[in-house]
Amino acid sequence: MPNKISDLFFDEPLYSSYYQKYQQEYIRKKLKTIKMYVEGYKFSEILGILEISDKTARKHIKTYLSGGFELLCKKTKRPKKGSLTEAQRLSFKEVVIKKSPFEVGLEGNIWTGKIMCLYLKKTYEVDYKKGIYDLLERLNLSHQKAHSDSEMQTKKPKNHIYKI
């Protein structure tokens, strides 16, 4: 296994194909780190231009040396903290279908994203933010944006003249 990038042949066409294939910014930064390093940029310049830490840049180089572009571009899967268990998901689904928020100690009669997040935090100590709608989809539940029809009916049109 090579110890330095200069020990490897840097394949520009292969680099370009990976750069075009992967649109995610975090992967492109990895690729740019390697290219800039091979082109002779000083480490401090790479860190400043790409706005990455020294540790991150060294990690990208080490990854490239051990597995080339393929390993470097492997998508990062971060573990999700506080995910619900299967039993908790099924219990949550049943509650959302059969009960109102008021019946489980929350304010309101309609399940909104915010109220569902509060319920999950209170009941299972799990933080959901934007992922609540993904959870609903995985549970085969549909959702729609709430609106008030009565608000629309009570508003008077602008510039309307009324006869007395």
N, C-alpha and C. Protein backbone atom coordinates (compact mmCIF):
# COMPACT_ATOMS: atom_id res chain seq x y z
N MET A 1 0.86 -1.19 0.00
CA MET A 1 0.00 0.00 0.00
C MET A 1 0.89 1.24 0.00
N PRO A 2 0.60 2.20 -0.87
CA PRO A 2 1.41 3.41 -0.94
C PRO A 2 1.25 4.26 0.32
N ASN A 3 2.30 4.98 0.66
CA ASN A 3 2.26 5.84 1.84
C ASN A 3 2.00 7.30 1.51
N LYS A 4 2.17 7.69 0.26
CA LYS A 4 1.96 9.07 -0.15
C LYS A 4 1.19 9.07 -1.47
N ILE A 5 0.51 10.16 -1.71
CA ILE A 5 -0.24 10.27 -2.95
C ILE A 5 0.71 10.32 -4.14
N SER A 6 1.87 10.90 -3.95
CA SER A 6 2.82 10.96 -5.06
C SER A 6 3.27 9.57 -5.51
N ASP A 7 3.10 8.56 -4.64
CA ASP A 7 3.43 7.18 -5.01
C ASP A 7 2.37 6.58 -5.94
N LEU A 8 1.23 7.21 -6.03
CA LEU A 8 0.15 6.71 -6.88
C LEU A 8 0.09 7.50 -8.17
N PHE A 9 -0.46 6.89 -9.17
CA PHE A 9 -0.76 7.61 -10.39
C PHE A 9 -2.12 8.27 -10.21
N PHE A 10 -2.17 9.58 -10.34
CA PHE A 10 -3.44 10.30 -10.21
C PHE A 10 -4.11 10.30 -11.57
N ASP A 11 -5.24 9.66 -11.67
CA ASP A 11 -5.96 9.51 -12.93
C ASP A 11 -6.98 10.64 -13.06
N GLU A 12 -6.63 11.66 -13.83
CA GLU A 12 -7.48 12.84 -14.01
C GLU A 12 -8.86 12.49 -14.60
N PRO A 13 -8.94 11.67 -15.67
CA PRO A 13 -10.26 11.31 -16.20
C PRO A 13 -11.12 10.55 -15.19
N LEU A 14 -10.49 9.69 -14.40
CA LEU A 14 -11.24 8.96 -13.38
C LEU A 14 -11.74 9.93 -12.31
N TYR A 15 -10.88 10.86 -11.91
CA TYR A 15 -11.28 11.91 -10.96
C TYR A 15 -12.50 12.65 -11.50
N SER A 16 -12.44 13.07 -12.76
CA SER A 16 -13.54 13.83 -13.37
C SER A 16 -14.83 13.03 -13.40
N SER A 17 -14.72 11.73 -13.68
CA SER A 17 -15.94 10.92 -13.72
C SER A 17 -16.56 10.80 -12.33
N TYR A 18 -15.74 10.64 -11.30
CA TYR A 18 -16.27 10.60 -9.94
C TYR A 18 -16.86 11.95 -9.55
N TYR A 19 -16.20 13.02 -9.94
CA TYR A 19 -16.68 14.37 -9.61
C TYR A 19 -18.04 14.62 -10.24
N GLN A 20 -18.23 14.15 -11.48
CA GLN A 20 -19.51 14.33 -12.16
C GLN A 20 -20.58 13.40 -11.57
N LYS A 21 -20.19 12.21 -11.20
CA LYS A 21 -21.14 11.22 -10.69
C LYS A 21 -21.71 11.61 -9.34
N TYR A 22 -20.86 12.15 -8.47
CA TYR A 22 -21.29 12.47 -7.11
C TYR A 22 -21.53 13.96 -6.96
N GLN A 23 -22.78 14.33 -6.74
CA GLN A 23 -23.17 15.74 -6.65
C GLN A 23 -23.15 16.27 -5.22
N GLN A 24 -23.08 15.38 -4.24
CA GLN A 24 -23.12 15.82 -2.85
C GLN A 24 -21.85 16.62 -2.54
N GLU A 25 -22.06 17.75 -1.87
CA GLU A 25 -20.95 18.65 -1.58
C GLU A 25 -19.89 18.00 -0.70
N TYR A 26 -20.29 17.19 0.27
CA TYR A 26 -19.30 16.59 1.16
C TYR A 26 -18.40 15.61 0.41
N ILE A 27 -18.93 14.94 -0.61
CA ILE A 27 -18.10 14.02 -1.41
C ILE A 27 -17.19 14.83 -2.34
N ARG A 28 -17.73 15.89 -2.91
CA ARG A 28 -16.91 16.72 -3.80
C ARG A 28 -15.76 17.38 -3.04
N LYS A 29 -15.97 17.73 -1.78
CA LYS A 29 -14.88 18.30 -0.98
C LYS A 29 -13.77 17.27 -0.78
N LYS A 30 -14.16 16.03 -0.60
CA LYS A 30 -13.15 14.96 -0.47
C LYS A 30 -12.32 14.88 -1.75
N LEU A 31 -12.99 14.87 -2.89
CA LEU A 31 -12.31 14.79 -4.17
C LEU A 31 -11.40 16.00 -4.39
N LYS A 32 -11.92 17.18 -4.07
CA LYS A 32 -11.13 18.41 -4.25
C LYS A 32 -9.90 18.39 -3.35
N THR A 33 -10.04 17.84 -2.15
CA THR A 33 -8.90 17.76 -1.23
C THR A 33 -7.77 16.98 -1.89
N ILE A 34 -8.09 15.83 -2.48
CA ILE A 34 -7.07 15.00 -3.11
C ILE A 34 -6.46 15.72 -4.31
N LYS A 35 -7.31 16.27 -5.15
CA LYS A 35 -6.81 16.94 -6.36
C LYS A 35 -5.89 18.10 -5.99
N MET A 36 -6.30 18.92 -5.04
CA MET A 36 -5.48 20.06 -4.65
C MET A 36 -4.16 19.61 -4.04
N TYR A 37 -4.20 18.55 -3.28
CA TYR A 37 -2.98 18.03 -2.66
C TYR A 37 -2.00 17.53 -3.73
N VAL A 38 -2.54 16.80 -4.72
CA VAL A 38 -1.71 16.30 -5.82
C VAL A 38 -1.14 17.45 -6.65
N GLU A 39 -1.93 18.51 -6.80
CA GLU A 39 -1.48 19.66 -7.59
C GLU A 39 -0.45 20.51 -6.87
N GLY A 40 -0.17 20.18 -5.61
CA GLY A 40 0.90 20.87 -4.90
C GLY A 40 0.46 22.03 -4.01
N TYR A 41 -0.83 22.17 -3.78
CA TYR A 41 -1.29 23.21 -2.86
C TYR A 41 -0.73 22.94 -1.48
N LYS A 42 -0.43 24.00 -0.76
CA LYS A 42 0.00 23.85 0.63
C LYS A 42 -1.21 23.40 1.45
N PHE A 43 -0.92 22.65 2.49
CA PHE A 43 -1.99 22.14 3.34
C PHE A 43 -2.86 23.27 3.88
N SER A 44 -2.24 24.36 4.30
CA SER A 44 -2.99 25.50 4.85
C SER A 44 -3.92 26.11 3.80
N GLU A 45 -3.50 26.10 2.53
CA GLU A 45 -4.33 26.63 1.45
C GLU A 45 -5.56 25.73 1.24
N ILE A 46 -5.33 24.44 1.25
CA ILE A 46 -6.44 23.48 1.06
C ILE A 46 -7.47 23.67 2.17
N LEU A 47 -6.99 23.77 3.40
CA LEU A 47 -7.89 23.92 4.54
C LEU A 47 -8.71 25.20 4.42
N GLY A 48 -8.06 26.28 4.02
CA GLY A 48 -8.74 27.57 3.90
C GLY A 48 -9.74 27.61 2.77
N ILE A 49 -9.34 27.10 1.61
CA ILE A 49 -10.21 27.16 0.43
C ILE A 49 -11.44 26.26 0.62
N LEU A 50 -11.22 25.05 1.11
CA LEU A 50 -12.32 24.09 1.25
C LEU A 50 -13.06 24.22 2.59
N GLU A 51 -12.51 25.04 3.48
CA GLU A 51 -13.11 25.25 4.81
C GLU A 51 -13.30 23.93 5.54
N ILE A 52 -12.21 23.16 5.62
CA ILE A 52 -12.21 21.90 6.35
C ILE A 52 -11.09 21.94 7.37
N SER A 53 -11.15 21.04 8.33
CA SER A 53 -10.12 20.99 9.36
C SER A 53 -8.93 20.16 8.88
N ASP A 54 -7.82 20.33 9.56
CA ASP A 54 -6.62 19.56 9.28
C ASP A 54 -6.91 18.06 9.41
N LYS A 55 -7.62 17.71 10.47
CA LYS A 55 -7.96 16.30 10.73
C LYS A 55 -8.79 15.72 9.59
N THR A 56 -9.74 16.50 9.09
CA THR A 56 -10.61 16.05 8.00
C THR A 56 -9.81 15.84 6.73
N ALA A 57 -8.94 16.79 6.40
CA ALA A 57 -8.13 16.68 5.19
C ALA A 57 -7.24 15.44 5.25
N ARG A 58 -6.60 15.22 6.39
CA ARG A 58 -5.73 14.06 6.54
C ARG A 58 -6.52 12.75 6.44
N LYS A 59 -7.74 12.76 6.96
CA LYS A 59 -8.60 11.58 6.88
C LYS A 59 -8.94 11.27 5.41
N HIS A 60 -9.26 12.32 4.62
CA HIS A 60 -9.57 12.12 3.20
C HIS A 60 -8.37 11.53 2.46
N ILE A 61 -7.19 12.05 2.75
CA ILE A 61 -5.98 11.56 2.08
C ILE A 61 -5.72 10.11 2.46
N LYS A 62 -5.86 9.80 3.74
CA LYS A 62 -5.63 8.43 4.20
C LYS A 62 -6.64 7.46 3.55
N THR A 63 -7.90 7.89 3.47
CA THR A 63 -8.94 7.07 2.84
C THR A 63 -8.61 6.83 1.37
N TYR A 64 -8.20 7.88 0.69
CA TYR A 64 -7.83 7.76 -0.73
C TYR A 64 -6.66 6.80 -0.91
N LEU A 65 -5.67 6.90 -0.05
CA LEU A 65 -4.49 6.02 -0.15
C LEU A 65 -4.85 4.55 0.09
N SER A 66 -5.84 4.32 0.94
CA SER A 66 -6.18 2.93 1.24
C SER A 66 -7.20 2.33 0.28
N GLY A 67 -7.96 3.16 -0.45
CA GLY A 67 -8.98 2.59 -1.32
C GLY A 67 -9.29 3.36 -2.57
N GLY A 68 -8.51 4.39 -2.87
CA GLY A 68 -8.73 5.15 -4.09
C GLY A 68 -10.03 5.95 -4.07
N PHE A 69 -10.44 6.36 -5.28
CA PHE A 69 -11.65 7.16 -5.40
C PHE A 69 -12.90 6.43 -4.94
N GLU A 70 -12.92 5.12 -5.17
CA GLU A 70 -14.11 4.34 -4.80
C GLU A 70 -14.39 4.42 -3.30
N LEU A 71 -13.36 4.19 -2.49
CA LEU A 71 -13.54 4.27 -1.05
C LEU A 71 -13.77 5.71 -0.59
N LEU A 72 -13.06 6.64 -1.22
CA LEU A 72 -13.20 8.05 -0.87
C LEU A 72 -14.63 8.54 -1.08
N CYS A 73 -15.28 8.05 -2.14
CA CYS A 73 -16.62 8.53 -2.49
C CYS A 73 -17.75 7.70 -1.90
N LYS A 74 -17.40 6.71 -1.12
CA LYS A 74 -18.43 5.89 -0.48
C LYS A 74 -19.27 6.79 0.42
N LYS A 75 -20.57 6.69 0.24
CA LYS A 75 -21.47 7.56 1.00
C LYS A 75 -21.39 7.25 2.49
N THR A 76 -21.39 8.31 3.27
CA THR A 76 -21.31 8.19 4.72
C THR A 76 -22.70 7.93 5.28
N LYS A 77 -22.83 6.87 6.03
CA LYS A 77 -24.09 6.58 6.70
C LYS A 77 -23.88 6.84 8.18
N ARG A 78 -24.58 7.84 8.66
CA ARG A 78 -24.46 8.17 10.07
C ARG A 78 -25.56 7.46 10.84
N PRO A 79 -25.24 6.91 11.98
CA PRO A 79 -26.28 6.25 12.77
C PRO A 79 -27.28 7.29 13.27
N LYS A 80 -28.54 6.92 13.22
CA LYS A 80 -29.57 7.83 13.70
C LYS A 80 -29.74 7.64 15.19
N LYS A 81 -29.52 8.73 15.90
CA LYS A 81 -29.66 8.66 17.35
C LYS A 81 -31.14 8.66 17.72
N GLY A 82 -31.48 7.84 18.67
CA GLY A 82 -32.82 7.86 19.22
C GLY A 82 -33.92 7.41 18.30
N SER A 83 -33.62 6.51 17.38
CA SER A 83 -34.68 6.02 16.50
C SER A 83 -35.64 5.15 17.30
N LEU A 84 -36.87 5.11 16.83
CA LEU A 84 -37.89 4.29 17.48
C LEU A 84 -37.68 2.82 17.14
N THR A 85 -38.02 1.96 18.08
CA THR A 85 -38.02 0.53 17.81
C THR A 85 -39.28 0.20 17.00
N GLU A 86 -39.33 -0.99 16.47
CA GLU A 86 -40.51 -1.40 15.70
C GLU A 86 -41.77 -1.36 16.56
N ALA A 87 -41.68 -1.82 17.79
CA ALA A 87 -42.84 -1.81 18.69
C ALA A 87 -43.29 -0.37 18.98
N GLN A 88 -42.33 0.53 19.16
CA GLN A 88 -42.68 1.93 19.41
C GLN A 88 -43.33 2.56 18.19
N ARG A 89 -42.83 2.23 16.98
CA ARG A 89 -43.43 2.77 15.76
C ARG A 89 -44.88 2.31 15.63
N LEU A 90 -45.13 1.02 15.89
CA LEU A 90 -46.50 0.50 15.79
C LEU A 90 -47.42 1.12 16.83
N SER A 91 -46.90 1.31 18.04
CA SER A 91 -47.68 1.95 19.10
C SER A 91 -48.01 3.40 18.73
N PHE A 92 -47.00 4.10 18.20
CA PHE A 92 -47.20 5.49 17.77
C PHE A 92 -48.27 5.56 16.67
N LYS A 93 -48.20 4.65 15.71
CA LYS A 93 -49.17 4.62 14.62
C LYS A 93 -50.59 4.44 15.16
N GLU A 94 -50.73 3.52 16.09
CA GLU A 94 -52.04 3.26 16.68
C GLU A 94 -52.58 4.49 17.41
N VAL A 95 -51.72 5.16 18.14
CA VAL A 95 -52.13 6.36 18.87
C VAL A 95 -52.58 7.44 17.90
N VAL A 96 -51.81 7.67 16.85
CA VAL A 96 -52.15 8.73 15.88
C VAL A 96 -53.46 8.43 15.18
N ILE A 97 -53.72 7.16 14.92
CA ILE A 97 -54.94 6.78 14.21
C ILE A 97 -56.16 6.83 15.13
N LYS A 98 -56.03 6.35 16.36
CA LYS A 98 -57.19 6.14 17.23
C LYS A 98 -57.44 7.24 18.26
N LYS A 99 -56.46 8.09 18.52
CA LYS A 99 -56.63 9.09 19.58
C LYS A 99 -56.29 10.48 19.08
N SER A 100 -56.81 11.46 19.75
CA SER A 100 -56.46 12.85 19.45
C SER A 100 -55.31 13.26 20.36
N PRO A 101 -54.61 14.31 20.02
CA PRO A 101 -53.53 14.79 20.90
C PRO A 101 -54.04 15.08 22.32
N PHE A 102 -55.24 15.63 22.42
CA PHE A 102 -55.82 15.95 23.72
C PHE A 102 -55.96 14.70 24.59
N GLU A 103 -56.32 13.57 23.98
CA GLU A 103 -56.51 12.32 24.71
C GLU A 103 -55.21 11.74 25.27
N VAL A 104 -54.07 12.20 24.75
CA VAL A 104 -52.79 11.70 25.25
C VAL A 104 -52.03 12.79 26.03
N GLY A 105 -52.78 13.82 26.45
CA GLY A 105 -52.19 14.83 27.31
C GLY A 105 -51.51 16.00 26.62
N LEU A 106 -51.81 16.19 25.34
CA LEU A 106 -51.24 17.32 24.60
C LEU A 106 -52.34 18.28 24.20
N GLU A 107 -51.96 19.49 23.86
CA GLU A 107 -52.96 20.47 23.42
C GLU A 107 -53.32 20.23 21.97
N GLY A 108 -54.58 20.44 21.65
CA GLY A 108 -55.03 20.33 20.28
C GLY A 108 -55.83 19.07 20.01
N ASN A 109 -56.57 19.12 18.91
CA ASN A 109 -57.39 17.99 18.51
C ASN A 109 -56.92 17.37 17.20
N ILE A 110 -55.98 18.01 16.54
CA ILE A 110 -55.48 17.53 15.26
C ILE A 110 -53.99 17.26 15.39
N TRP A 111 -53.55 16.12 14.85
CA TRP A 111 -52.13 15.78 14.88
C TRP A 111 -51.39 16.61 13.84
N THR A 112 -50.53 17.45 14.29
CA THR A 112 -49.64 18.20 13.40
C THR A 112 -48.24 17.64 13.57
N GLY A 113 -47.34 18.00 12.67
CA GLY A 113 -45.96 17.55 12.78
C GLY A 113 -45.35 17.93 14.11
N LYS A 114 -45.59 19.16 14.52
CA LYS A 114 -45.03 19.66 15.78
C LYS A 114 -45.58 18.88 16.98
N ILE A 115 -46.86 18.62 16.98
CA ILE A 115 -47.49 17.88 18.08
C ILE A 115 -47.00 16.44 18.11
N MET A 116 -46.84 15.83 16.94
CA MET A 116 -46.32 14.45 16.90
C MET A 116 -44.90 14.40 17.45
N CYS A 117 -44.08 15.40 17.12
CA CYS A 117 -42.72 15.46 17.66
C CYS A 117 -42.73 15.58 19.17
N LEU A 118 -43.63 16.41 19.70
CA LEU A 118 -43.75 16.55 21.15
C LEU A 118 -44.16 15.24 21.80
N TYR A 119 -45.11 14.53 21.18
CA TYR A 119 -45.57 13.25 21.70
C TYR A 119 -44.41 12.24 21.75
N LEU A 120 -43.65 12.15 20.67
CA LEU A 120 -42.53 11.21 20.63
C LEU A 120 -41.47 11.55 21.67
N LYS A 121 -41.22 12.84 21.87
CA LYS A 121 -40.24 13.26 22.87
C LYS A 121 -40.74 12.91 24.27
N LYS A 122 -42.01 13.20 24.53
CA LYS A 122 -42.60 12.96 25.85
C LYS A 122 -42.71 11.46 26.15
N THR A 123 -43.13 10.69 25.18
CA THR A 123 -43.41 9.27 25.39
C THR A 123 -42.17 8.38 25.29
N TYR A 124 -41.34 8.63 24.27
CA TYR A 124 -40.22 7.72 24.01
C TYR A 124 -38.84 8.38 24.16
N GLU A 125 -38.84 9.66 24.52
CA GLU A 125 -37.59 10.43 24.64
C GLU A 125 -36.77 10.38 23.35
N VAL A 126 -37.47 10.53 22.22
CA VAL A 126 -36.84 10.52 20.91
C VAL A 126 -37.12 11.86 20.24
N ASP A 127 -36.05 12.50 19.75
CA ASP A 127 -36.20 13.80 19.07
C ASP A 127 -36.38 13.60 17.58
N TYR A 128 -37.50 14.05 17.07
CA TYR A 128 -37.72 14.10 15.63
C TYR A 128 -37.87 15.56 15.28
N LYS A 129 -37.30 15.94 14.16
CA LYS A 129 -37.47 17.30 13.70
C LYS A 129 -38.11 17.24 12.33
N LYS A 130 -37.34 17.32 11.29
CA LYS A 130 -37.88 17.25 9.94
C LYS A 130 -38.28 15.83 9.54
N GLY A 131 -37.73 14.83 10.20
CA GLY A 131 -37.96 13.45 9.83
C GLY A 131 -39.32 12.89 10.19
N ILE A 132 -40.16 13.68 10.82
CA ILE A 132 -41.46 13.17 11.25
C ILE A 132 -42.31 12.73 10.05
N TYR A 133 -42.21 13.46 8.94
CA TYR A 133 -43.01 13.12 7.77
C TYR A 133 -42.47 11.87 7.08
N ASP A 134 -41.17 11.65 7.18
CA ASP A 134 -40.59 10.40 6.67
C ASP A 134 -41.10 9.22 7.51
N LEU A 135 -41.18 9.43 8.82
CA LEU A 135 -41.70 8.39 9.70
C LEU A 135 -43.14 8.05 9.33
N LEU A 136 -43.96 9.05 9.09
CA LEU A 136 -45.35 8.80 8.70
C LEU A 136 -45.41 7.99 7.40
N GLU A 137 -44.54 8.33 6.47
CA GLU A 137 -44.52 7.60 5.21
C GLU A 137 -44.13 6.15 5.43
N ARG A 138 -43.14 5.89 6.30
CA ARG A 138 -42.73 4.51 6.58
C ARG A 138 -43.84 3.73 7.27
N LEU A 139 -44.72 4.45 7.98
CA LEU A 139 -45.84 3.81 8.66
C LEU A 139 -47.08 3.71 7.77
N ASN A 140 -46.92 4.06 6.50
CA ASN A 140 -48.02 4.07 5.53
C ASN A 140 -49.16 4.98 5.96
N LEU A 141 -48.81 6.10 6.53
CA LEU A 141 -49.80 7.11 6.91
C LEU A 141 -49.63 8.31 5.99
N SER A 142 -50.74 8.87 5.58
CA SER A 142 -50.64 10.07 4.74
C SER A 142 -50.75 11.30 5.63
N HIS A 143 -50.34 12.43 5.08
CA HIS A 143 -50.44 13.69 5.81
C HIS A 143 -50.71 14.80 4.81
N GLN A 144 -51.29 15.86 5.32
CA GLN A 144 -51.49 17.03 4.47
C GLN A 144 -51.32 18.26 5.32
N LYS A 145 -51.01 19.34 4.67
CA LYS A 145 -50.81 20.59 5.37
C LYS A 145 -52.16 21.08 5.89
N ALA A 146 -52.17 21.45 7.14
CA ALA A 146 -53.42 21.92 7.75
C ALA A 146 -53.70 23.35 7.33
N HIS A 147 -54.98 23.66 7.18
CA HIS A 147 -55.38 25.03 6.91
C HIS A 147 -56.77 25.24 7.50
N SER A 148 -57.13 26.47 7.63
CA SER A 148 -58.43 26.78 8.20
C SER A 148 -59.33 27.36 7.12
N ASP A 149 -60.39 26.64 6.79
CA ASP A 149 -61.34 27.14 5.79
C ASP A 149 -62.10 28.34 6.32
N SER A 150 -62.36 28.36 7.62
CA SER A 150 -63.14 29.46 8.19
C SER A 150 -62.39 30.78 8.11
N GLU A 151 -61.08 30.75 8.16
CA GLU A 151 -60.29 31.98 8.02
C GLU A 151 -60.52 32.61 6.66
N MET A 152 -60.57 31.79 5.64
CA MET A 152 -60.73 32.28 4.28
C MET A 152 -62.13 32.88 4.08
N GLN A 153 -63.12 32.33 4.75
CA GLN A 153 -64.47 32.81 4.58
C GLN A 153 -64.70 34.14 5.28
N THR A 154 -64.01 34.40 6.37
CA THR A 154 -64.25 35.62 7.12
C THR A 154 -63.49 36.82 6.58
N LYS A 155 -62.50 36.61 5.73
CA LYS A 155 -61.75 37.72 5.16
C LYS A 155 -62.56 38.35 4.05
N LYS A 156 -62.62 39.68 4.05
CA LYS A 156 -63.32 40.39 3.00
C LYS A 156 -62.34 40.70 1.89
N PRO A 157 -62.78 40.62 0.65
CA PRO A 157 -61.88 40.93 -0.46
C PRO A 157 -61.45 42.40 -0.40
N LYS A 158 -60.24 42.68 -0.81
CA LYS A 158 -59.75 44.06 -0.83
C LYS A 158 -60.40 44.82 -1.96
N ASN A 159 -60.52 46.14 -1.77
CA ASN A 159 -61.05 47.05 -2.79
C ASN A 159 -62.48 46.67 -3.22
N HIS A 160 -63.27 46.12 -2.33
CA HIS A 160 -64.64 45.78 -2.65
C HIS A 160 -65.54 46.89 -2.08
N ILE A 161 -66.46 47.37 -2.89
CA ILE A 161 -67.36 48.45 -2.45
C ILE A 161 -68.70 47.83 -2.09
N TYR A 162 -69.17 48.17 -0.89
CA TYR A 162 -70.46 47.66 -0.41
C TYR A 162 -71.49 48.76 -0.50
N LYS A 163 -72.72 48.43 -0.97
CA LYS A 163 -73.82 49.40 -1.03
C LYS A 163 -74.62 49.30 0.25
N ILE A 164 -75.05 50.44 0.73
CA ILE A 164 -75.84 50.47 1.96
C ILE A 164 -77.30 50.74 1.62
